[in-house]
Amino acid sequence: MELIVYIGIIALVSTSLVLFSVALSNSRQKALAASEVEANAKIVLNYLSRTIRSARAIDDANSLFDNNQGRLALWLGSNNTEPVVFNLDSSSHPQVIIGANPAVSLSSGAVWLSRFKFTKLSDKQLVIDMEVRAGQPGVTPTPENFYQSAVTTVVNLRK
């Protein structure tokens, strides 16, 4: 009889340790996803802001405003010869195209943007609105394996 009680107590303790380990692993996974999202959002936003501030003008004809899959075309250089285009690639990763060069991704492959929206307030002022998400590719999002963050800012062209 005492042996059964001891086995029951050991089983309860073992189960508690396993459940604690699983919860700790899920928490770590969520923290890593949050860190990835925040770091990528900061990099993309800083690069966008710096480029917009140094731009000479906004290319309205090649920009797509007020759309969640937006595109922003800017003119750098003194005589509109150096176009810069920000948009999303086919996997919803933000990218930049400078002149005739190939597109360069602005984020890691672990994150994607569900919203990349530009709103033009004036010829010299833009609102950038992004929603950055991270999760495991091919896995149904759950609170344990998914994280998202929205970032909005206003940027002015200096020139």
N, C-alpha and C. Protein backbone atom coordinates (compact mmCIF):
# COMPACT_ATOMS: atom_id res chain seq x y z
N MET A 1 0.81 -1.20 0.00
CA MET A 1 0.00 0.00 0.00
C MET A 1 0.86 1.27 0.00
N GLU A 2 1.91 1.24 0.83
CA GLU A 2 2.79 2.41 0.89
C GLU A 2 3.50 2.63 -0.44
N LEU A 3 3.82 1.55 -1.12
CA LEU A 3 4.50 1.64 -2.40
C LEU A 3 3.63 2.36 -3.43
N ILE A 4 2.34 2.09 -3.43
CA ILE A 4 1.41 2.75 -4.35
C ILE A 4 1.35 4.24 -4.05
N VAL A 5 1.34 4.63 -2.79
CA VAL A 5 1.31 6.05 -2.40
C VAL A 5 2.58 6.73 -2.89
N TYR A 6 3.75 6.10 -2.69
CA TYR A 6 5.02 6.68 -3.14
C TYR A 6 5.05 6.85 -4.65
N ILE A 7 4.59 5.84 -5.38
CA ILE A 7 4.56 5.91 -6.84
C ILE A 7 3.62 7.03 -7.29
N GLY A 8 2.50 7.19 -6.63
CA GLY A 8 1.56 8.28 -6.94
C GLY A 8 2.20 9.64 -6.71
N ILE A 9 2.91 9.81 -5.61
CA ILE A 9 3.56 11.09 -5.31
C ILE A 9 4.65 11.38 -6.34
N ILE A 10 5.44 10.37 -6.69
CA ILE A 10 6.49 10.55 -7.69
C ILE A 10 5.87 10.91 -9.04
N ALA A 11 4.77 10.29 -9.40
CA ALA A 11 4.09 10.59 -10.66
C ALA A 11 3.59 12.02 -10.68
N LEU A 12 3.02 12.50 -9.58
CA LEU A 12 2.55 13.88 -9.51
C LEU A 12 3.71 14.87 -9.64
N VAL A 13 4.80 14.61 -8.94
CA VAL A 13 5.97 15.49 -9.02
C VAL A 13 6.54 15.48 -10.43
N SER A 14 6.66 14.33 -11.04
CA SER A 14 7.19 14.21 -12.40
C SER A 14 6.30 14.96 -13.39
N THR A 15 5.01 14.79 -13.28
CA THR A 15 4.07 15.49 -14.16
C THR A 15 4.20 16.99 -14.00
N SER A 16 4.32 17.46 -12.78
CA SER A 16 4.48 18.90 -12.52
C SER A 16 5.76 19.43 -13.17
N LEU A 17 6.85 18.68 -13.07
CA LEU A 17 8.11 19.10 -13.68
C LEU A 17 8.01 19.16 -15.20
N VAL A 18 7.36 18.18 -15.80
CA VAL A 18 7.20 18.17 -17.26
C VAL A 18 6.34 19.36 -17.70
N LEU A 19 5.23 19.61 -17.03
CA LEU A 19 4.37 20.74 -17.37
C LEU A 19 5.10 22.06 -17.20
N PHE A 20 5.90 22.19 -16.15
CA PHE A 20 6.69 23.40 -15.93
C PHE A 20 7.70 23.59 -17.06
N SER A 21 8.35 22.51 -17.50
CA SER A 21 9.33 22.58 -18.59
C SER A 21 8.67 23.02 -19.90
N VAL A 22 7.50 22.49 -20.18
CA VAL A 22 6.77 22.86 -21.39
C VAL A 22 6.37 24.34 -21.35
N ALA A 23 5.87 24.80 -20.21
CA ALA A 23 5.49 26.20 -20.07
C ALA A 23 6.70 27.11 -20.22
N LEU A 24 7.82 26.72 -19.68
CA LEU A 24 9.05 27.50 -19.79
C LEU A 24 9.52 27.57 -21.24
N SER A 25 9.43 26.47 -21.95
CA SER A 25 9.82 26.44 -23.36
C SER A 25 8.91 27.33 -24.20
N ASN A 26 7.60 27.28 -23.96
CA ASN A 26 6.66 28.14 -24.69
C ASN A 26 6.92 29.60 -24.40
N SER A 27 7.22 29.92 -23.16
CA SER A 27 7.51 31.31 -22.79
C SER A 27 8.77 31.81 -23.49
N ARG A 28 9.77 30.97 -23.55
CA ARG A 28 11.03 31.34 -24.23
C ARG A 28 10.78 31.56 -25.71
N GLN A 29 10.00 30.69 -26.33
CA GLN A 29 9.69 30.80 -27.75
C GLN A 29 8.95 32.12 -28.04
N LYS A 30 8.01 32.47 -27.19
CA LYS A 30 7.26 33.71 -27.35
C LYS A 30 8.17 34.92 -27.18
N ALA A 31 9.07 34.86 -26.22
CA ALA A 31 10.01 35.97 -25.99
C ALA A 31 10.94 36.16 -27.18
N LEU A 32 11.39 35.05 -27.78
CA LEU A 32 12.25 35.15 -28.96
C LEU A 32 11.50 35.76 -30.14
N ALA A 33 10.26 35.36 -30.34
CA ALA A 33 9.45 35.93 -31.42
C ALA A 33 9.24 37.42 -31.20
N ALA A 34 8.94 37.81 -29.97
CA ALA A 34 8.74 39.23 -29.66
C ALA A 34 10.01 40.03 -29.91
N SER A 35 11.13 39.48 -29.51
CA SER A 35 12.42 40.14 -29.73
C SER A 35 12.71 40.31 -31.22
N GLU A 36 12.44 39.28 -32.00
CA GLU A 36 12.66 39.33 -33.45
C GLU A 36 11.78 40.39 -34.10
N VAL A 37 10.51 40.45 -33.71
CA VAL A 37 9.59 41.43 -34.27
C VAL A 37 10.03 42.85 -33.93
N GLU A 38 10.31 43.10 -32.67
CA GLU A 38 10.69 44.44 -32.25
C GLU A 38 11.99 44.90 -32.91
N ALA A 39 12.97 44.01 -33.01
CA ALA A 39 14.24 44.37 -33.64
C ALA A 39 14.05 44.68 -35.13
N ASN A 40 13.29 43.84 -35.83
CA ASN A 40 13.05 44.08 -37.25
C ASN A 40 12.24 45.34 -37.49
N ALA A 41 11.24 45.58 -36.68
CA ALA A 41 10.43 46.80 -36.82
C ALA A 41 11.31 48.03 -36.65
N LYS A 42 12.19 48.00 -35.68
CA LYS A 42 13.07 49.14 -35.43
C LYS A 42 14.02 49.38 -36.60
N ILE A 43 14.60 48.31 -37.14
CA ILE A 43 15.52 48.45 -38.27
C ILE A 43 14.81 49.02 -39.49
N VAL A 44 13.65 48.45 -39.83
CA VAL A 44 12.90 48.91 -41.00
C VAL A 44 12.47 50.36 -40.82
N LEU A 45 11.92 50.69 -39.67
CA LEU A 45 11.44 52.05 -39.42
C LEU A 45 12.58 53.06 -39.44
N ASN A 46 13.72 52.73 -38.84
CA ASN A 46 14.86 53.65 -38.85
C ASN A 46 15.38 53.88 -40.26
N TYR A 47 15.49 52.81 -41.04
CA TYR A 47 15.98 52.96 -42.42
C TYR A 47 15.01 53.77 -43.25
N LEU A 48 13.73 53.46 -43.14
CA LEU A 48 12.71 54.23 -43.87
C LEU A 48 12.76 55.71 -43.48
N SER A 49 12.80 55.99 -42.20
CA SER A 49 12.79 57.37 -41.71
C SER A 49 14.00 58.14 -42.22
N ARG A 50 15.18 57.52 -42.13
CA ARG A 50 16.40 58.20 -42.60
C ARG A 50 16.32 58.48 -44.09
N THR A 51 15.84 57.52 -44.87
CA THR A 51 15.76 57.71 -46.32
C THR A 51 14.73 58.78 -46.67
N ILE A 52 13.59 58.77 -46.00
CA ILE A 52 12.56 59.78 -46.27
C ILE A 52 13.07 61.17 -45.94
N ARG A 53 13.75 61.30 -44.80
CA ARG A 53 14.28 62.61 -44.42
C ARG A 53 15.30 63.15 -45.42
N SER A 54 16.04 62.25 -46.06
CA SER A 54 17.05 62.71 -47.00
C SER A 54 16.52 62.81 -48.43
N ALA A 55 15.29 62.41 -48.66
CA ALA A 55 14.71 62.45 -50.01
C ALA A 55 14.45 63.88 -50.47
N ARG A 56 14.55 64.06 -51.78
CA ARG A 56 14.26 65.36 -52.37
C ARG A 56 12.77 65.55 -52.59
N ALA A 57 12.08 64.45 -52.98
CA ALA A 57 10.65 64.53 -53.26
C ALA A 57 10.03 63.14 -53.23
N ILE A 58 8.71 63.13 -53.11
CA ILE A 58 7.94 61.89 -53.17
C ILE A 58 7.47 61.71 -54.61
N ASP A 59 7.65 60.53 -55.16
CA ASP A 59 7.21 60.21 -56.52
C ASP A 59 5.77 59.68 -56.43
N ASP A 60 4.81 60.58 -56.53
CA ASP A 60 3.39 60.20 -56.40
C ASP A 60 2.95 59.18 -57.45
N ALA A 61 3.46 59.30 -58.66
CA ALA A 61 3.03 58.43 -59.75
C ALA A 61 3.39 56.96 -59.50
N ASN A 62 4.48 56.72 -58.80
CA ASN A 62 4.92 55.34 -58.55
C ASN A 62 4.71 54.89 -57.11
N SER A 63 3.99 55.66 -56.32
CA SER A 63 3.69 55.30 -54.93
C SER A 63 2.26 54.81 -54.83
N LEU A 64 2.01 53.99 -53.84
CA LEU A 64 0.66 53.50 -53.56
C LEU A 64 0.35 53.85 -52.11
N PHE A 65 -0.49 54.86 -51.91
CA PHE A 65 -0.80 55.35 -50.58
C PHE A 65 -2.11 54.73 -50.06
N ASP A 66 -2.26 54.76 -48.74
CA ASP A 66 -3.48 54.32 -48.06
C ASP A 66 -3.91 52.91 -48.46
N ASN A 67 -2.93 52.02 -48.55
CA ASN A 67 -3.17 50.63 -48.89
C ASN A 67 -2.30 49.78 -47.98
N ASN A 68 -2.84 48.70 -47.43
CA ASN A 68 -2.08 47.87 -46.50
C ASN A 68 -0.86 47.20 -47.13
N GLN A 69 -0.83 47.08 -48.44
CA GLN A 69 0.33 46.55 -49.16
C GLN A 69 0.96 47.70 -49.95
N GLY A 70 1.23 48.79 -49.26
CA GLY A 70 1.65 50.03 -49.90
C GLY A 70 3.02 49.99 -50.56
N ARG A 71 3.27 51.04 -51.31
CA ARG A 71 4.56 51.23 -51.99
C ARG A 71 4.89 52.72 -51.88
N LEU A 72 6.13 53.00 -51.56
CA LEU A 72 6.59 54.38 -51.45
C LEU A 72 7.77 54.58 -52.38
N ALA A 73 7.63 55.52 -53.32
CA ALA A 73 8.71 55.86 -54.24
C ALA A 73 9.20 57.26 -53.91
N LEU A 74 10.49 57.40 -53.77
CA LEU A 74 11.11 58.68 -53.42
C LEU A 74 12.16 59.03 -54.45
N TRP A 75 12.46 60.32 -54.54
CA TRP A 75 13.56 60.78 -55.38
C TRP A 75 14.67 61.27 -54.49
N LEU A 76 15.83 60.67 -54.65
CA LEU A 76 17.04 61.17 -54.02
C LEU A 76 17.84 61.85 -55.12
N GLY A 77 18.89 62.52 -54.80
CA GLY A 77 19.69 63.15 -55.84
C GLY A 77 19.09 64.46 -56.30
N SER A 78 19.88 65.23 -56.98
CA SER A 78 19.48 66.60 -57.31
C SER A 78 18.55 66.72 -58.50
N ASN A 79 18.57 65.78 -59.43
CA ASN A 79 17.73 65.95 -60.62
C ASN A 79 16.85 64.73 -60.90
N ASN A 80 16.28 64.17 -59.84
CA ASN A 80 15.35 63.04 -59.94
C ASN A 80 15.91 61.87 -60.76
N THR A 81 17.18 61.56 -60.54
CA THR A 81 17.81 60.47 -61.29
C THR A 81 18.01 59.23 -60.43
N GLU A 82 17.77 59.32 -59.13
CA GLU A 82 18.02 58.19 -58.24
C GLU A 82 16.75 57.81 -57.49
N PRO A 83 15.90 56.98 -58.13
CA PRO A 83 14.66 56.60 -57.45
C PRO A 83 14.91 55.54 -56.37
N VAL A 84 14.15 55.61 -55.30
CA VAL A 84 14.18 54.62 -54.23
C VAL A 84 12.75 54.17 -54.01
N VAL A 85 12.52 52.85 -54.03
CA VAL A 85 11.17 52.31 -53.87
C VAL A 85 11.15 51.34 -52.70
N PHE A 86 10.21 51.55 -51.78
CA PHE A 86 9.97 50.63 -50.66
C PHE A 86 8.66 49.91 -50.93
N ASN A 87 8.67 48.58 -50.82
CA ASN A 87 7.44 47.81 -50.98
C ASN A 87 7.62 46.46 -50.31
N LEU A 88 6.64 45.57 -50.51
CA LEU A 88 6.71 44.21 -49.96
C LEU A 88 6.97 43.24 -51.08
N ASP A 89 7.80 42.22 -50.81
CA ASP A 89 8.01 41.19 -51.82
C ASP A 89 6.84 40.20 -51.76
N SER A 90 6.91 39.14 -52.54
CA SER A 90 5.79 38.19 -52.61
C SER A 90 5.55 37.43 -51.31
N SER A 91 6.52 37.44 -50.40
CA SER A 91 6.37 36.79 -49.09
C SER A 91 6.06 37.78 -47.98
N SER A 92 5.68 38.99 -48.34
CA SER A 92 5.34 40.07 -47.40
C SER A 92 6.52 40.53 -46.55
N HIS A 93 7.73 40.43 -47.09
CA HIS A 93 8.91 40.98 -46.43
C HIS A 93 9.18 42.37 -47.02
N PRO A 94 9.49 43.36 -46.19
CA PRO A 94 9.77 44.69 -46.72
C PRO A 94 11.09 44.68 -47.50
N GLN A 95 11.10 45.42 -48.60
CA GLN A 95 12.32 45.50 -49.41
C GLN A 95 12.50 46.90 -49.95
N VAL A 96 13.72 47.21 -50.35
CA VAL A 96 14.03 48.50 -50.96
C VAL A 96 14.72 48.24 -52.29
N ILE A 97 14.37 49.06 -53.28
CA ILE A 97 15.01 49.00 -54.58
C ILE A 97 15.58 50.39 -54.84
N ILE A 98 16.89 50.46 -55.02
CA ILE A 98 17.55 51.74 -55.24
C ILE A 98 18.04 51.77 -56.68
N GLY A 99 17.49 52.71 -57.44
CA GLY A 99 17.86 52.83 -58.84
C GLY A 99 17.56 51.55 -59.60
N ALA A 100 18.53 51.09 -60.40
CA ALA A 100 18.35 49.87 -61.20
C ALA A 100 18.91 48.65 -60.49
N ASN A 101 19.29 48.79 -59.24
CA ASN A 101 19.86 47.68 -58.49
C ASN A 101 18.78 46.67 -58.11
N PRO A 102 19.18 45.42 -57.80
CA PRO A 102 18.18 44.43 -57.37
C PRO A 102 17.62 44.79 -55.99
N ALA A 103 16.46 44.26 -55.70
CA ALA A 103 15.79 44.52 -54.42
C ALA A 103 16.61 43.94 -53.27
N VAL A 104 16.59 44.64 -52.14
CA VAL A 104 17.29 44.21 -50.93
C VAL A 104 16.25 44.10 -49.82
N SER A 105 16.21 42.95 -49.15
CA SER A 105 15.27 42.74 -48.05
C SER A 105 15.68 43.58 -46.84
N LEU A 106 14.71 44.14 -46.14
CA LEU A 106 14.99 44.96 -44.96
C LEU A 106 14.75 44.22 -43.65
N SER A 107 14.32 42.97 -43.72
CA SER A 107 14.03 42.23 -42.49
C SER A 107 14.52 40.80 -42.61
N SER A 108 14.53 40.12 -41.49
CA SER A 108 14.92 38.71 -41.51
C SER A 108 13.78 37.88 -42.08
N GLY A 109 14.08 36.66 -42.47
CA GLY A 109 13.05 35.78 -43.02
C GLY A 109 12.04 35.30 -41.99
N ALA A 110 12.32 35.55 -40.70
CA ALA A 110 11.44 35.06 -39.63
C ALA A 110 10.24 35.96 -39.40
N VAL A 111 10.23 37.13 -40.00
CA VAL A 111 9.10 38.05 -39.80
C VAL A 111 8.49 38.43 -41.14
N TRP A 112 7.26 38.88 -41.09
CA TRP A 112 6.59 39.39 -42.27
C TRP A 112 5.70 40.54 -41.85
N LEU A 113 5.30 41.36 -42.80
CA LEU A 113 4.45 42.50 -42.52
C LEU A 113 3.06 42.23 -43.04
N SER A 114 2.07 42.40 -42.18
CA SER A 114 0.68 42.26 -42.63
C SER A 114 0.13 43.62 -43.03
N ARG A 115 0.84 44.69 -42.64
CA ARG A 115 0.43 46.05 -43.03
C ARG A 115 1.70 46.86 -43.27
N PHE A 116 1.79 47.49 -44.44
CA PHE A 116 2.92 48.35 -44.80
C PHE A 116 2.29 49.53 -45.52
N LYS A 117 1.79 50.46 -44.75
CA LYS A 117 0.90 51.50 -45.26
C LYS A 117 1.57 52.87 -45.16
N PHE A 118 1.45 53.64 -46.24
CA PHE A 118 1.96 55.00 -46.27
C PHE A 118 0.80 55.95 -46.52
N THR A 119 0.73 56.99 -45.74
CA THR A 119 -0.30 58.02 -45.92
C THR A 119 0.40 59.35 -46.12
N LYS A 120 0.08 60.01 -47.20
CA LYS A 120 0.71 61.29 -47.51
C LYS A 120 -0.13 62.41 -46.89
N LEU A 121 0.46 63.12 -45.93
CA LEU A 121 -0.23 64.24 -45.29
C LEU A 121 -0.02 65.53 -46.07
N SER A 122 1.15 65.68 -46.68
CA SER A 122 1.47 66.84 -47.52
C SER A 122 2.63 66.45 -48.42
N ASP A 123 3.11 67.39 -49.23
CA ASP A 123 4.24 67.10 -50.10
C ASP A 123 5.50 66.78 -49.32
N LYS A 124 5.54 67.15 -48.07
CA LYS A 124 6.76 66.96 -47.26
C LYS A 124 6.53 66.11 -46.01
N GLN A 125 5.35 65.49 -45.88
CA GLN A 125 5.07 64.76 -44.64
C GLN A 125 4.32 63.45 -44.94
N LEU A 126 4.84 62.34 -44.34
CA LEU A 126 4.27 61.01 -44.54
C LEU A 126 4.00 60.34 -43.20
N VAL A 127 2.98 59.50 -43.17
CA VAL A 127 2.74 58.62 -42.03
C VAL A 127 3.13 57.21 -42.47
N ILE A 128 3.95 56.55 -41.67
CA ILE A 128 4.32 55.15 -41.93
C ILE A 128 3.58 54.31 -40.90
N ASP A 129 2.85 53.32 -41.36
CA ASP A 129 2.07 52.44 -40.48
C ASP A 129 2.40 51.00 -40.85
N MET A 130 3.04 50.28 -39.91
CA MET A 130 3.44 48.90 -40.17
C MET A 130 2.88 47.98 -39.09
N GLU A 131 2.54 46.78 -39.49
CA GLU A 131 2.23 45.73 -38.52
C GLU A 131 3.17 44.57 -38.82
N VAL A 132 4.06 44.31 -37.88
CA VAL A 132 5.09 43.29 -38.05
C VAL A 132 4.68 42.05 -37.28
N ARG A 133 4.83 40.87 -37.90
CA ARG A 133 4.44 39.61 -37.28
C ARG A 133 5.59 38.61 -37.35
N ALA A 134 5.64 37.75 -36.36
CA ALA A 134 6.61 36.65 -36.36
C ALA A 134 5.92 35.40 -35.86
N GLY A 135 6.29 34.29 -36.41
CA GLY A 135 5.75 33.01 -36.00
C GLY A 135 6.53 31.91 -36.69
N GLN A 136 6.10 30.71 -36.51
CA GLN A 136 6.76 29.58 -37.16
C GLN A 136 6.11 29.36 -38.52
N PRO A 137 6.89 29.37 -39.60
CA PRO A 137 6.30 29.16 -40.92
C PRO A 137 5.60 27.80 -41.00
N GLY A 138 4.41 27.80 -41.58
CA GLY A 138 3.67 26.57 -41.77
C GLY A 138 2.96 26.06 -40.53
N VAL A 139 3.02 26.81 -39.43
CA VAL A 139 2.37 26.39 -38.19
C VAL A 139 1.21 27.34 -37.92
N THR A 140 0.06 26.81 -37.56
CA THR A 140 -1.09 27.64 -37.24
C THR A 140 -0.75 28.53 -36.05
N PRO A 141 -0.94 29.86 -36.19
CA PRO A 141 -0.58 30.77 -35.09
C PRO A 141 -1.39 30.50 -33.82
N THR A 142 -0.68 30.42 -32.72
CA THR A 142 -1.29 30.31 -31.39
C THR A 142 -0.60 31.34 -30.50
N PRO A 143 -1.17 31.64 -29.34
CA PRO A 143 -0.50 32.61 -28.46
C PRO A 143 0.91 32.20 -28.06
N GLU A 144 1.23 30.92 -28.12
CA GLU A 144 2.56 30.46 -27.73
C GLU A 144 3.60 30.60 -28.82
N ASN A 145 3.18 30.62 -30.11
CA ASN A 145 4.18 30.63 -31.17
C ASN A 145 4.05 31.81 -32.13
N PHE A 146 3.34 32.84 -31.73
CA PHE A 146 3.05 33.95 -32.63
C PHE A 146 3.15 35.27 -31.87
N TYR A 147 3.66 36.29 -32.54
CA TYR A 147 3.73 37.61 -31.92
C TYR A 147 3.57 38.66 -33.01
N GLN A 148 2.89 39.75 -32.71
CA GLN A 148 2.77 40.85 -33.66
C GLN A 148 2.87 42.17 -32.93
N SER A 149 3.28 43.18 -33.67
CA SER A 149 3.42 44.52 -33.10
C SER A 149 3.12 45.53 -34.19
N ALA A 150 2.39 46.57 -33.84
CA ALA A 150 2.07 47.64 -34.79
C ALA A 150 2.91 48.87 -34.45
N VAL A 151 3.42 49.52 -35.50
CA VAL A 151 4.26 50.70 -35.34
C VAL A 151 3.74 51.77 -36.29
N THR A 152 3.56 52.98 -35.78
CA THR A 152 3.13 54.10 -36.61
C THR A 152 3.97 55.32 -36.25
N THR A 153 4.41 56.04 -37.28
CA THR A 153 5.17 57.26 -37.03
C THR A 153 4.95 58.25 -38.17
N VAL A 154 5.26 59.50 -37.91
CA VAL A 154 5.18 60.55 -38.93
C VAL A 154 6.59 60.99 -39.24
N VAL A 155 6.91 61.11 -40.55
CA VAL A 155 8.24 61.52 -40.98
C VAL A 155 8.12 62.67 -41.96
N ASN A 156 9.01 63.64 -41.82
CA ASN A 156 9.04 64.80 -42.71
C ASN A 156 10.24 64.75 -43.63
N LEU A 157 10.04 65.12 -44.90
CA LEU A 157 11.14 65.30 -45.82
C LEU A 157 11.86 66.58 -45.42
N ARG A 158 13.15 66.58 -45.38
CA ARG A 158 13.91 67.78 -44.98
C ARG A 158 14.07 68.78 -46.11
N LYS A 159 14.10 68.28 -47.31
CA LYS A 159 14.43 69.18 -48.43
C LYS A 159 13.20 69.76 -49.05
